[in-house]
Amino acid sequence: TALKNIIQLKRFHYVNFRREKITCLVDFPFELQLKTYTSLKHDITYDLYAVLYHEGDMSEGHSVTCAKNFLDDKWYMFDDSTCSQVSESEIVSENAYVLCYKQQQTAEASGTF
């Protein structure tokens, strides 16, 4: 089975003893290659499959999720009781705070060389 990794972006910080939301855009990749960040001899590649968002501020807000359906290769937004298709260009947002990646299946990843 493929490994799954969750990356949580720091979206809140303390200023003068209060928590505030960090709203800068983090341009995250749809395909994450870890060779640059590790001492591994072979590359391990992960595909983005879900993103959690927080819309609003610290006093009030709303959370939604976008997830990729690997059967039809399309992205969908889940917002309370509704589900709608969204374009890939809508996925990267300043409201993103949790990124979910799944390891691509390769001979190296599965342990068969």
PDB file of N, CA and C in Angstrom:
ATOM      1  N   THR A   1       0.836  -1.190   0.000  1.00  0.00           N
ATOM      2  CA  THR A   1       0.000   0.000   0.000  1.00  0.00           C
ATOM      3  C   THR A   1       0.875   1.245   0.000  1.00  0.00           C
ATOM      4  N   ALA A   2       0.359   2.288  -0.573  1.00  0.00           N
ATOM      5  CA  ALA A   2       1.109   3.543  -0.669  1.00  0.00           C
ATOM      6  C   ALA A   2       1.102   4.266   0.670  1.00  0.00           C
ATOM      7  N   LEU A   3       2.224   4.908   0.962  1.00  0.00           N
ATOM      8  CA  LEU A   3       2.296   5.718   2.165  1.00  0.00           C
ATOM      9  C   LEU A   3       1.552   7.018   1.949  1.00  0.00           C
ATOM     10  N   LYS A   4       0.925   7.510   3.006  1.00  0.00           N
ATOM     11  CA  LYS A   4       0.234   8.789   2.943  1.00  0.00           C
ATOM     12  C   LYS A   4       0.888   9.728   3.943  1.00  0.00           C
ATOM     13  N   ASN A   5       1.080  10.974   3.560  1.00  0.00           N
ATOM     14  CA  ASN A   5       1.657  11.985   4.426  1.00  0.00           C
ATOM     15  C   ASN A   5       0.736  13.185   4.496  1.00  0.00           C
ATOM     16  N   ILE A   6       0.663  13.752   5.674  1.00  0.00           N
ATOM     17  CA  ILE A   6      -0.129  14.945   5.910  1.00  0.00           C
ATOM     18  C   ILE A   6       0.837  16.072   6.260  1.00  0.00           C
ATOM     19  N   ILE A   7       0.678  17.212   5.622  1.00  0.00           N
ATOM     20  CA  ILE A   7       1.487  18.380   5.923  1.00  0.00           C
ATOM     21  C   ILE A   7       0.542  19.466   6.417  1.00  0.00           C
ATOM     22  N   GLN A   8       0.778  19.944   7.636  1.00  0.00           N
ATOM     23  CA  GLN A   8      -0.049  21.025   8.164  1.00  0.00           C
ATOM     24  C   GLN A   8       0.743  22.318   8.076  1.00  0.00           C
ATOM     25  N   LEU A   9       0.179  23.293   7.397  1.00  0.00           N
ATOM     26  CA  LEU A   9       0.816  24.597   7.262  1.00  0.00           C
ATOM     27  C   LEU A   9       0.512  25.434   8.505  1.00  0.00           C
ATOM     28  N   LYS A  10       1.506  26.173   8.947  1.00  0.00           N
ATOM     29  CA  LYS A  10       1.294  27.051  10.106  1.00  0.00           C
ATOM     30  C   LYS A  10       0.442  28.228   9.645  1.00  0.00           C
ATOM     31  N   ARG A  11      -0.800  28.276  10.087  1.00  0.00           N
ATOM     32  CA  ARG A  11      -1.733  29.314   9.655  1.00  0.00           C
ATOM     33  C   ARG A  11      -2.167  30.244  10.775  1.00  0.00           C
ATOM     34  N   PHE A  12      -1.683  30.006  11.990  1.00  0.00           N
ATOM     35  CA  PHE A  12      -2.049  30.854  13.121  1.00  0.00           C
ATOM     36  C   PHE A  12      -0.792  31.171  13.907  1.00  0.00           C
ATOM     37  N   HIS A  13      -0.700  32.377  14.437  1.00  0.00           N
ATOM     38  CA  HIS A  13       0.436  32.752  15.267  1.00  0.00           C
ATOM     39  C   HIS A  13      -0.032  33.734  16.338  1.00  0.00           C
ATOM     40  N   TYR A  14       0.832  33.911  17.335  1.00  0.00           N
ATOM     41  CA  TYR A  14       0.518  34.813  18.436  1.00  0.00           C
ATOM     42  C   TYR A  14       1.152  36.173  18.196  1.00  0.00           C
ATOM     43  N   VAL A  15       0.362  37.228  18.351  1.00  0.00           N
ATOM     44  CA  VAL A  15       0.836  38.605  18.268  1.00  0.00           C
ATOM     45  C   VAL A  15       0.247  39.341  19.472  1.00  0.00           C
ATOM     46  N   ASN A  16       1.134  39.874  20.307  1.00  0.00           N
ATOM     47  CA  ASN A  16       0.681  40.603  21.501  1.00  0.00           C
ATOM     48  C   ASN A  16      -0.319  39.780  22.321  1.00  0.00           C
ATOM     49  N   PHE A  17       0.016  38.509  22.550  1.00  0.00           N
ATOM     50  CA  PHE A  17      -0.781  37.592  23.367  1.00  0.00           C
ATOM     51  C   PHE A  17      -2.132  37.219  22.764  1.00  0.00           C
ATOM     52  N   ARG A  18      -2.326  37.421  21.444  1.00  0.00           N
ATOM     53  CA  ARG A  18      -3.540  36.963  20.772  1.00  0.00           C
ATOM     54  C   ARG A  18      -3.155  36.145  19.551  1.00  0.00           C
ATOM     55  N   ARG A  19      -4.019  35.219  19.244  1.00  0.00           N
ATOM     56  CA  ARG A  19      -3.801  34.421  18.027  1.00  0.00           C
ATOM     57  C   ARG A  19      -4.371  35.155  16.834  1.00  0.00           C
ATOM     58  N   GLU A  20      -3.605  35.144  15.747  1.00  0.00           N
ATOM     59  CA  GLU A  20      -4.059  35.739  14.491  1.00  0.00           C
ATOM     60  C   GLU A  20      -3.846  34.742  13.366  1.00  0.00           C
ATOM     61  N   LYS A  21      -4.658  34.863  12.340  1.00  0.00           N
ATOM     62  CA  LYS A  21      -4.544  33.985  11.181  1.00  0.00           C
ATOM     63  C   LYS A  21      -3.479  34.524  10.224  1.00  0.00           C
ATOM     64  N   ILE A  22      -2.641  33.621   9.715  1.00  0.00           N
ATOM     65  CA  ILE A  22      -1.652  33.968   8.698  1.00  0.00           C
ATOM     66  C   ILE A  22      -2.327  33.745   7.346  1.00  0.00           C
ATOM     67  N   THR A  23      -2.358  34.770   6.508  1.00  0.00           N
ATOM     68  CA  THR A  23      -3.121  34.675   5.264  1.00  0.00           C
ATOM     69  C   THR A  23      -2.257  34.686   4.004  1.00  0.00           C
ATOM     70  N   CYS A  24      -0.940  34.523   4.145  1.00  0.00           N
ATOM     71  CA  CYS A  24      -0.094  34.537   2.946  1.00  0.00           C
ATOM     72  C   CYS A  24      -0.330  33.271   2.113  1.00  0.00           C
ATOM     73  N   LEU A  25      -0.160  33.402   0.815  1.00  0.00           N
ATOM     74  CA  LEU A  25      -0.327  32.275  -0.093  1.00  0.00           C
ATOM     75  C   LEU A  25       0.896  31.374  -0.038  1.00  0.00           C
ATOM     76  N   VAL A  26       0.685  30.086   0.152  1.00  0.00           N
ATOM     77  CA  VAL A  26       1.735  29.082   0.049  1.00  0.00           C
ATOM     78  C   VAL A  26       1.468  28.316  -1.236  1.00  0.00           C
ATOM     79  N   ASP A  27       2.385  28.452  -2.186  1.00  0.00           N
ATOM     80  CA  ASP A  27       2.207  27.808  -3.489  1.00  0.00           C
ATOM     81  C   ASP A  27       2.742  26.374  -3.396  1.00  0.00           C
ATOM     82  N   PHE A  28       1.881  25.449  -3.033  1.00  0.00           N
ATOM     83  CA  PHE A  28       2.289  24.065  -2.809  1.00  0.00           C
ATOM     84  C   PHE A  28       2.166  23.261  -4.099  1.00  0.00           C
ATOM     85  N   PRO A  29       3.010  22.230  -4.255  1.00  0.00           N
ATOM     86  CA  PRO A  29       3.005  21.442  -5.493  1.00  0.00           C
ATOM     87  C   PRO A  29       1.920  20.356  -5.492  1.00  0.00           C
ATOM     88  N   PHE A  30       1.462  19.996  -6.667  1.00  0.00           N
ATOM     89  CA  PHE A  30       0.539  18.868  -6.820  1.00  0.00           C
ATOM     90  C   PHE A  30       1.323  17.554  -6.806  1.00  0.00           C
ATOM     91  N   GLU A  31       2.594  17.637  -7.171  1.00  0.00           N
ATOM     92  CA  GLU A  31       3.488  16.476  -7.133  1.00  0.00           C
ATOM     93  C   GLU A  31       4.705  16.882  -6.312  1.00  0.00           C
ATOM     94  N   LEU A  32       4.884  16.214  -5.177  1.00  0.00           N
ATOM     95  CA  LEU A  32       5.954  16.539  -4.235  1.00  0.00           C
ATOM     96  C   LEU A  32       7.068  15.510  -4.363  1.00  0.00           C
ATOM     97  N   GLN A  33       8.248  15.970  -4.716  1.00  0.00           N
ATOM     98  CA  GLN A  33       9.410  15.084  -4.857  1.00  0.00           C
ATOM     99  C   GLN A  33      10.348  15.336  -3.684  1.00  0.00           C
ATOM    100  N   LEU A  34      10.612  14.288  -2.898  1.00  0.00           N
ATOM    101  CA  LEU A  34      11.340  14.448  -1.648  1.00  0.00           C
ATOM    102  C   LEU A  34      12.857  14.330  -1.759  1.00  0.00           C
ATOM    103  N   LYS A  35      13.386  13.944  -2.906  1.00  0.00           N
ATOM    104  CA  LYS A  35      14.835  13.745  -3.032  1.00  0.00           C
ATOM    105  C   LYS A  35      15.612  14.998  -2.639  1.00  0.00           C
ATOM    106  N   THR A  36      15.076  16.144  -2.961  1.00  0.00           N
ATOM    107  CA  THR A  36      15.721  17.406  -2.630  1.00  0.00           C
ATOM    108  C   THR A  36      15.865  17.595  -1.120  1.00  0.00           C
ATOM    109  N   TYR A  37      14.953  17.029  -0.346  1.00  0.00           N
ATOM    110  CA  TYR A  37      14.899  17.270   1.092  1.00  0.00           C
ATOM    111  C   TYR A  37      15.404  16.103   1.938  1.00  0.00           C
ATOM    112  N   THR A  38      15.863  15.015   1.303  1.00  0.00           N
ATOM    113  CA  THR A  38      16.306  13.843   2.051  1.00  0.00           C
ATOM    114  C   THR A  38      17.660  13.369   1.542  1.00  0.00           C
ATOM    115  N   SER A  39      18.230  12.396   2.243  1.00  0.00           N
ATOM    116  CA  SER A  39      19.504  11.820   1.811  1.00  0.00           C
ATOM    117  C   SER A  39      19.306  10.526   1.019  1.00  0.00           C
ATOM    118  N   LEU A  40      18.072  10.247   0.620  1.00  0.00           N
ATOM    119  CA  LEU A  40      17.794   9.031  -0.141  1.00  0.00           C
ATOM    120  C   LEU A  40      18.443   9.092  -1.514  1.00  0.00           C
ATOM    121  N   LYS A  41      18.895   7.942  -2.009  1.00  0.00           N
ATOM    122  CA  LYS A  41      19.515   7.878  -3.328  1.00  0.00           C
ATOM    123  C   LYS A  41      18.476   7.888  -4.453  1.00  0.00           C
ATOM    124  N   HIS A  42      17.272   7.412  -4.169  1.00  0.00           N
ATOM    125  CA  HIS A  42      16.210   7.428  -5.170  1.00  0.00           C
ATOM    126  C   HIS A  42      15.135   8.428  -4.739  1.00  0.00           C
ATOM    127  N   ASP A  43      14.407   8.914  -5.689  1.00  0.00           N
ATOM    128  CA  ASP A  43      13.386   9.908  -5.409  1.00  0.00           C
ATOM    129  C   ASP A  43      12.101   9.231  -4.951  1.00  0.00           C
ATOM    130  N   ILE A  44      11.453   9.847  -4.014  1.00  0.00           N
ATOM    131  CA  ILE A  44      10.125   9.409  -3.580  1.00  0.00           C
ATOM    132  C   ILE A  44       9.176  10.535  -3.961  1.00  0.00           C
ATOM    133  N   THR A  45       8.154  10.210  -4.722  1.00  0.00           N
ATOM    134  CA  THR A  45       7.230  11.217  -5.222  1.00  0.00           C
ATOM    135  C   THR A  45       5.848  10.977  -4.637  1.00  0.00           C
ATOM    136  N   TYR A  46       5.207  12.066  -4.229  1.00  0.00           N
ATOM    137  CA  TYR A  46       3.867  12.022  -3.646  1.00  0.00           C
ATOM    138  C   TYR A  46       2.923  12.869  -4.490  1.00  0.00           C
ATOM    139  N   ASP A  47       1.675  12.417  -4.615  1.00  0.00           N
ATOM    140  CA  ASP A  47       0.634  13.159  -5.312  1.00  0.00           C
ATOM    141  C   ASP A  47      -0.318  13.774  -4.294  1.00  0.00           C
ATOM    142  N   LEU A  48      -0.645  15.035  -4.494  1.00  0.00           N
ATOM    143  CA  LEU A  48      -1.627  15.712  -3.658  1.00  0.00           C
ATOM    144  C   LEU A  48      -2.999  15.095  -3.930  1.00  0.00           C
ATOM    145  N   TYR A  49      -3.714  14.711  -2.870  1.00  0.00           N
ATOM    146  CA  TYR A  49      -5.039  14.143  -3.086  1.00  0.00           C
ATOM    147  C   TYR A  49      -6.141  14.847  -2.301  1.00  0.00           C
ATOM    148  N   ALA A  50      -5.772  15.724  -1.355  1.00  0.00           N
ATOM    149  CA  ALA A  50      -6.794  16.464  -0.616  1.00  0.00           C
ATOM    150  C   ALA A  50      -6.170  17.700   0.022  1.00  0.00           C
ATOM    151  N   VAL A  51      -6.987  18.737   0.170  1.00  0.00           N
ATOM    152  CA  VAL A  51      -6.571  19.974   0.824  1.00  0.00           C
ATOM    153  C   VAL A  51      -7.718  20.429   1.722  1.00  0.00           C
ATOM    154  N   LEU A  52      -7.393  20.774   2.969  1.00  0.00           N
ATOM    155  CA  LEU A  52      -8.376  21.326   3.885  1.00  0.00           C
ATOM    156  C   LEU A  52      -8.156  22.827   3.966  1.00  0.00           C
ATOM    157  N   TYR A  53      -9.253  23.578   4.004  1.00  0.00           N
ATOM    158  CA  TYR A  53      -9.201  25.036   4.009  1.00  0.00           C
ATOM    159  C   TYR A  53      -9.956  25.579   5.213  1.00  0.00           C
ATOM    160  N   HIS A  54      -9.495  26.719   5.712  1.00  0.00           N
ATOM    161  CA  HIS A  54     -10.237  27.469   6.722  1.00  0.00           C
ATOM    162  C   HIS A  54     -10.516  28.845   6.148  1.00  0.00           C
ATOM    163  N   GLU A  55     -11.777  29.159   5.972  1.00  0.00           N
ATOM    164  CA  GLU A  55     -12.193  30.467   5.452  1.00  0.00           C
ATOM    165  C   GLU A  55     -12.704  31.287   6.631  1.00  0.00           C
ATOM    166  N   GLY A  56     -12.257  32.515   6.732  1.00  0.00           N
ATOM    167  CA  GLY A  56     -12.687  33.378   7.831  1.00  0.00           C
ATOM    168  C   GLY A  56     -11.509  33.783   8.683  1.00  0.00           C
ATOM    169  N   ASP A  57     -11.805  34.195   9.925  1.00  0.00           N
ATOM    170  CA  ASP A  57     -10.746  34.628  10.824  1.00  0.00           C
ATOM    171  C   ASP A  57     -10.794  33.814  12.107  1.00  0.00           C
ATOM    172  N   MET A  58     -10.095  34.275  13.133  1.00  0.00           N
ATOM    173  CA  MET A  58     -10.021  33.515  14.383  1.00  0.00           C
ATOM    174  C   MET A  58     -11.333  33.521  15.161  1.00  0.00           C
ATOM    175  N   SER A  59     -12.146  34.546  14.982  1.00  0.00           N
ATOM    176  CA  SER A  59     -13.388  34.611  15.751  1.00  0.00           C
ATOM    177  C   SER A  59     -14.520  33.826  15.110  1.00  0.00           C
ATOM    178  N   GLU A  60     -14.460  33.671  13.793  1.00  0.00           N
ATOM    179  CA  GLU A  60     -15.467  32.874  13.110  1.00  0.00           C
ATOM    180  C   GLU A  60     -14.890  32.378  11.796  1.00  0.00           C
ATOM    181  N   GLY A  61     -15.439  31.302  11.299  1.00  0.00           N
ATOM    182  CA  GLY A  61     -14.924  30.771  10.044  1.00  0.00           C
ATOM    183  C   GLY A  61     -15.651  29.511   9.645  1.00  0.00           C
ATOM    184  N   HIS A  62     -15.170  28.951   8.570  1.00  0.00           N
ATOM    185  CA  HIS A  62     -15.811  27.773   7.987  1.00  0.00           C
ATOM    186  C   HIS A  62     -14.731  26.918   7.341  1.00  0.00           C
ATOM    187  N   SER A  63     -14.828  25.619   7.483  1.00  0.00           N
ATOM    188  CA  SER A  63     -13.859  24.706   6.882  1.00  0.00           C
ATOM    189  C   SER A  63     -14.488  23.945   5.725  1.00  0.00           C
ATOM    190  N   VAL A  64     -13.725  23.804   4.647  1.00  0.00           N
ATOM    191  CA  VAL A  64     -14.137  23.007   3.499  1.00  0.00           C
ATOM    192  C   VAL A  64     -12.959  22.142   3.078  1.00  0.00           C
ATOM    193  N   THR A  65     -13.235  21.139   2.265  1.00  0.00           N
ATOM    194  CA  THR A  65     -12.197  20.227   1.786  1.00  0.00           C
ATOM    195  C   THR A  65     -12.332  20.050   0.281  1.00  0.00           C
ATOM    196  N   CYS A  66     -11.190  20.005  -0.397  1.00  0.00           N
ATOM    197  CA  CYS A  66     -11.160  19.597  -1.800  1.00  0.00           C
ATOM    198  C   CYS A  66     -10.393  18.292  -1.877  1.00  0.00           C
ATOM    199  N   ALA A  67     -10.888  17.359  -2.662  1.00  0.00           N
ATOM    200  CA  ALA A  67     -10.236  16.058  -2.805  1.00  0.00           C
ATOM    201  C   ALA A  67     -10.287  15.629  -4.267  1.00  0.00           C
ATOM    202  N   LYS A  68      -9.252  14.902  -4.650  1.00  0.00           N
ATOM    203  CA  LYS A  68      -9.160  14.421  -6.028  1.00  0.00           C
ATOM    204  C   LYS A  68      -9.734  13.011  -6.116  1.00  0.00           C
ATOM    205  N   ASN A  69     -10.606  12.821  -7.092  1.00  0.00           N
ATOM    206  CA  ASN A  69     -11.143  11.501  -7.375  1.00  0.00           C
ATOM    207  C   ASN A  69     -10.199  10.857  -8.391  1.00  0.00           C
ATOM    208  N   PHE A  70      -9.483   9.817  -7.976  1.00  0.00           N
ATOM    209  CA  PHE A  70      -8.510   9.206  -8.870  1.00  0.00           C
ATOM    210  C   PHE A  70      -9.156   8.337  -9.944  1.00  0.00           C
ATOM    211  N   LEU A  71     -10.454   8.091  -9.858  1.00  0.00           N
ATOM    212  CA  LEU A  71     -11.144   7.348 -10.913  1.00  0.00           C
ATOM    213  C   LEU A  71     -11.410   8.219 -12.131  1.00  0.00           C
ATOM    214  N   ASP A  72     -11.807   9.487 -11.891  1.00  0.00           N
ATOM    215  CA  ASP A  72     -12.065  10.383 -13.026  1.00  0.00           C
ATOM    216  C   ASP A  72     -11.025  11.498 -13.142  1.00  0.00           C
ATOM    217  N   ASP A  73     -10.041  11.517 -12.224  1.00  0.00           N
ATOM    218  CA  ASP A  73      -8.928  12.474 -12.255  1.00  0.00           C
ATOM    219  C   ASP A  73      -9.405  13.921 -12.126  1.00  0.00           C
ATOM    220  N   LYS A  74     -10.513  14.144 -11.387  1.00  0.00           N
ATOM    221  CA  LYS A  74     -11.064  15.482 -11.204  1.00  0.00           C
ATOM    222  C   LYS A  74     -11.079  15.842  -9.718  1.00  0.00           C
ATOM    223  N   TRP A  75     -11.072  17.146  -9.446  1.00  0.00           N
ATOM    224  CA  TRP A  75     -11.108  17.662  -8.081  1.00  0.00           C
ATOM    225  C   TRP A  75     -12.538  18.050  -7.708  1.00  0.00           C
ATOM    226  N   TYR A  76     -12.904  17.786  -6.439  1.00  0.00           N
ATOM    227  CA  TYR A  76     -14.234  18.100  -5.934  1.00  0.00           C
ATOM    228  C   TYR A  76     -14.119  18.832  -4.603  1.00  0.00           C
ATOM    229  N   MET A  77     -15.021  19.804  -4.400  1.00  0.00           N
ATOM    230  CA  MET A  77     -15.086  20.518  -3.133  1.00  0.00           C
ATOM    231  C   MET A  77     -16.251  19.979  -2.314  1.00  0.00           C
ATOM    232  N   PHE A  78     -15.953  19.668  -1.050  1.00  0.00           N
ATOM    233  CA  PHE A  78     -16.954  19.183  -0.110  1.00  0.00           C
ATOM    234  C   PHE A  78     -17.203  20.294   0.903  1.00  0.00           C
ATOM    235  N   ASP A  79     -18.403  20.846   0.877  1.00  0.00           N
ATOM    236  CA  ASP A  79     -18.767  21.986   1.710  1.00  0.00           C
ATOM    237  C   ASP A  79     -20.094  21.678   2.388  1.00  0.00           C
ATOM    238  N   ASP A  80     -19.999  21.239   3.633  1.00  0.00           N
ATOM    239  CA  ASP A  80     -21.180  20.812   4.386  1.00  0.00           C
ATOM    240  C   ASP A  80     -21.941  19.741   3.614  1.00  0.00           C
ATOM    241  N   SER A  81     -23.145  20.043   3.137  1.00  0.00           N
ATOM    242  CA  SER A  81     -23.956  19.021   2.465  1.00  0.00           C
ATOM    243  C   SER A  81     -23.843  19.062   0.953  1.00  0.00           C
ATOM    244  N   THR A  82     -22.935  19.877   0.405  1.00  0.00           N
ATOM    245  CA  THR A  82     -22.810  19.962  -1.047  1.00  0.00           C
ATOM    246  C   THR A  82     -21.449  19.467  -1.515  1.00  0.00           C
ATOM    247  N   CYS A  83     -21.436  18.976  -2.730  1.00  0.00           N
ATOM    248  CA  CYS A  83     -20.204  18.537  -3.383  1.00  0.00           C
ATOM    249  C   CYS A  83     -20.254  19.059  -4.811  1.00  0.00           C
ATOM    250  N   SER A  84     -19.179  19.765  -5.213  1.00  0.00           N
ATOM    251  CA  SER A  84     -19.155  20.303  -6.565  1.00  0.00           C
ATOM    252  C   SER A  84     -17.764  20.157  -7.153  1.00  0.00           C
ATOM    253  N   GLN A  85     -17.717  19.999  -8.465  1.00  0.00           N
ATOM    254  CA  GLN A  85     -16.441  19.878  -9.159  1.00  0.00           C
ATOM    255  C   GLN A  85     -15.766  21.245  -9.207  1.00  0.00           C
ATOM    256  N   VAL A  86     -14.436  21.272  -8.987  1.00  0.00           N
ATOM    257  CA  VAL A  86     -13.662  22.507  -9.072  1.00  0.00           C
ATOM    258  C   VAL A  86     -12.470  22.279 -10.000  1.00  0.00           C
ATOM    259  N   SER A  87     -11.950  23.362 -10.544  1.00  0.00           N
ATOM    260  CA  SER A  87     -10.794  23.241 -11.424  1.00  0.00           C
ATOM    261  C   SER A  87      -9.518  23.158 -10.587  1.00  0.00           C
ATOM    262  N   GLU A  88      -8.481  22.585 -11.179  1.00  0.00           N
ATOM    263  CA  GLU A  88      -7.203  22.457 -10.486  1.00  0.00           C
ATOM    264  C   GLU A  88      -6.644  23.823 -10.089  1.00  0.00           C
ATOM    265  N   SER A  89      -6.945  24.862 -10.854  1.00  0.00           N
ATOM    266  CA  SER A  89      -6.448  26.208 -10.551  1.00  0.00           C
ATOM    267  C   SER A  89      -7.057  26.781  -9.273  1.00  0.00           C
ATOM    268  N   GLU A  90      -8.155  26.213  -8.799  1.00  0.00           N
ATOM    269  CA  GLU A  90      -8.796  26.681  -7.563  1.00  0.00           C
ATOM    270  C   GLU A  90      -8.237  26.015  -6.307  1.00  0.00           C
ATOM    271  N   ILE A  91      -7.370  25.020  -6.457  1.00  0.00           N
ATOM    272  CA  ILE A  91      -6.902  24.240  -5.315  1.00  0.00           C
ATOM    273  C   ILE A  91      -5.908  25.019  -4.457  1.00  0.00           C
ATOM    274  N   VAL A  92      -4.927  25.659  -5.079  1.00  0.00           N
ATOM    275  CA  VAL A  92      -3.937  26.431  -4.324  1.00  0.00           C
ATOM    276  C   VAL A  92      -4.595  27.735  -3.888  1.00  0.00           C
ATOM    277  N   SER A  93      -4.663  27.944  -2.565  1.00  0.00           N
ATOM    278  CA  SER A  93      -5.373  29.093  -2.011  1.00  0.00           C
ATOM    279  C   SER A  93      -4.708  29.529  -0.713  1.00  0.00           C
ATOM    280  N   GLU A  94      -4.847  30.804  -0.385  1.00  0.00           N
ATOM    281  CA  GLU A  94      -4.304  31.312   0.880  1.00  0.00           C
ATOM    282  C   GLU A  94      -5.059  30.766   2.088  1.00  0.00           C
ATOM    283  N   ASN A  95      -6.181  30.076   1.870  1.00  0.00           N
ATOM    284  CA  ASN A  95      -6.944  29.475   2.968  1.00  0.00           C
ATOM    285  C   ASN A  95      -6.531  28.036   3.259  1.00  0.00           C
ATOM    286  N   ALA A  96      -5.634  27.455   2.449  1.00  0.00           N
ATOM    287  CA  ALA A  96      -5.210  26.064   2.658  1.00  0.00           C
ATOM    288  C   ALA A  96      -4.407  25.952   3.947  1.00  0.00           C
ATOM    289  N   TYR A  97      -4.672  24.892   4.726  1.00  0.00           N
ATOM    290  CA  TYR A  97      -3.863  24.693   5.926  1.00  0.00           C
ATOM    291  C   TYR A  97      -3.477  23.239   6.180  1.00  0.00           C
ATOM    292  N   VAL A  98      -4.095  22.288   5.525  1.00  0.00           N
ATOM    293  CA  VAL A  98      -3.671  20.888   5.633  1.00  0.00           C
ATOM    294  C   VAL A  98      -3.582  20.314   4.223  1.00  0.00           C
ATOM    295  N   LEU A  99      -2.428  19.733   3.891  1.00  0.00           N
ATOM    296  CA  LEU A  99      -2.188  19.133   2.579  1.00  0.00           C
ATOM    297  C   LEU A  99      -2.036  17.630   2.761  1.00  0.00           C
ATOM    298  N   CYS A 100      -2.740  16.842   1.967  1.00  0.00           N
ATOM    299  CA  CYS A 100      -2.687  15.384   2.066  1.00  0.00           C
ATOM    300  C   CYS A 100      -2.056  14.828   0.792  1.00  0.00           C
ATOM    301  N   TYR A 101      -0.968  14.080   0.971  1.00  0.00           N
ATOM    302  CA  TYR A 101      -0.228  13.503  -0.148  1.00  0.00           C
ATOM    303  C   TYR A 101      -0.207  11.992  -0.036  1.00  0.00           C
ATOM    304  N   LYS A 102      -0.215  11.316  -1.183  1.00  0.00           N
ATOM    305  CA  LYS A 102      -0.142   9.857  -1.265  1.00  0.00           C
ATOM    306  C   LYS A 102       1.072   9.497  -2.110  1.00  0.00           C
ATOM    307  N   GLN A 103       1.872   8.568  -1.620  1.00  0.00           N
ATOM    308  CA  GLN A 103       3.078   8.168  -2.342  1.00  0.00           C
ATOM    309  C   GLN A 103       2.721   7.472  -3.644  1.00  0.00           C
ATOM    310  N   GLN A 104       3.407   7.886  -4.731  1.00  0.00           N
ATOM    311  CA  GLN A 104       3.225   7.215  -6.018  1.00  0.00           C
ATOM    312  C   GLN A 104       3.790   5.808  -5.924  1.00  0.00           C
ATOM    313  N   GLN A 105       3.168   4.877  -6.597  1.00  0.00           N
ATOM    314  CA  GLN A 105       3.635   3.495  -6.597  1.00  0.00           C
ATOM    315  C   GLN A 105       4.672   3.303  -7.712  1.00  0.00           C
ATOM    316  N   THR A 106       5.878   3.017  -7.295  1.00  0.00           N
ATOM    317  CA  THR A 106       6.963   2.713  -8.227  1.00  0.00           C
ATOM    318  C   THR A 106       7.652   1.450  -7.728  1.00  0.00           C
ATOM    319  N   ALA A 107       8.542   0.892  -8.508  1.00  0.00           N
ATOM    320  CA  ALA A 107       9.281  -0.286  -8.068  1.00  0.00           C
ATOM    321  C   ALA A 107      10.075   0.026  -6.816  1.00  0.00           C
ATOM    322  N   GLU A 108      10.696   1.217  -6.744  1.00  0.00           N
ATOM    323  CA  GLU A 108      11.468   1.590  -5.566  1.00  0.00           C
ATOM    324  C   GLU A 108      10.562   1.776  -4.362  1.00  0.00           C
ATOM    325  N   ALA A 109       9.399   2.394  -4.535  1.00  0.00           N
ATOM    326  CA  ALA A 109       8.485   2.655  -3.420  1.00  0.00           C
ATOM    327  C   ALA A 109       7.898   1.372  -2.864  1.00  0.00           C
ATOM    328  N   SER A 110       7.662   0.392  -3.728  1.00  0.00           N
ATOM    329  CA  SER A 110       7.066  -0.850  -3.263  1.00  0.00           C
ATOM    330  C   SER A 110       8.095  -1.851  -2.751  1.00  0.00           C
ATOM    331  N   GLY A 111       9.381  -1.501  -2.873  1.00  0.00           N
ATOM    332  CA  GLY A 111      10.427  -2.389  -2.370  1.00  0.00           C
ATOM    333  C   GLY A 111      10.900  -3.423  -3.372  1.00  0.00           C
ATOM    334  N   THR A 112      10.385  -3.391  -4.598  1.00  0.00           N
ATOM    335  CA  THR A 112      10.837  -4.321  -5.638  1.00  0.00           C
ATOM    336  C   THR A 112      11.680  -3.573  -6.636  1.00  0.00           C
ATOM    337  N   PHE A 113      12.944  -3.887  -6.711  1.00  0.00           N
ATOM    338  CA  PHE A 113      13.849  -3.135  -7.598  1.00  0.00           C
ATOM    339  C   PHE A 113      14.096  -3.880  -8.873  1.00  0.00           C
TER     340      PHE A 113
END
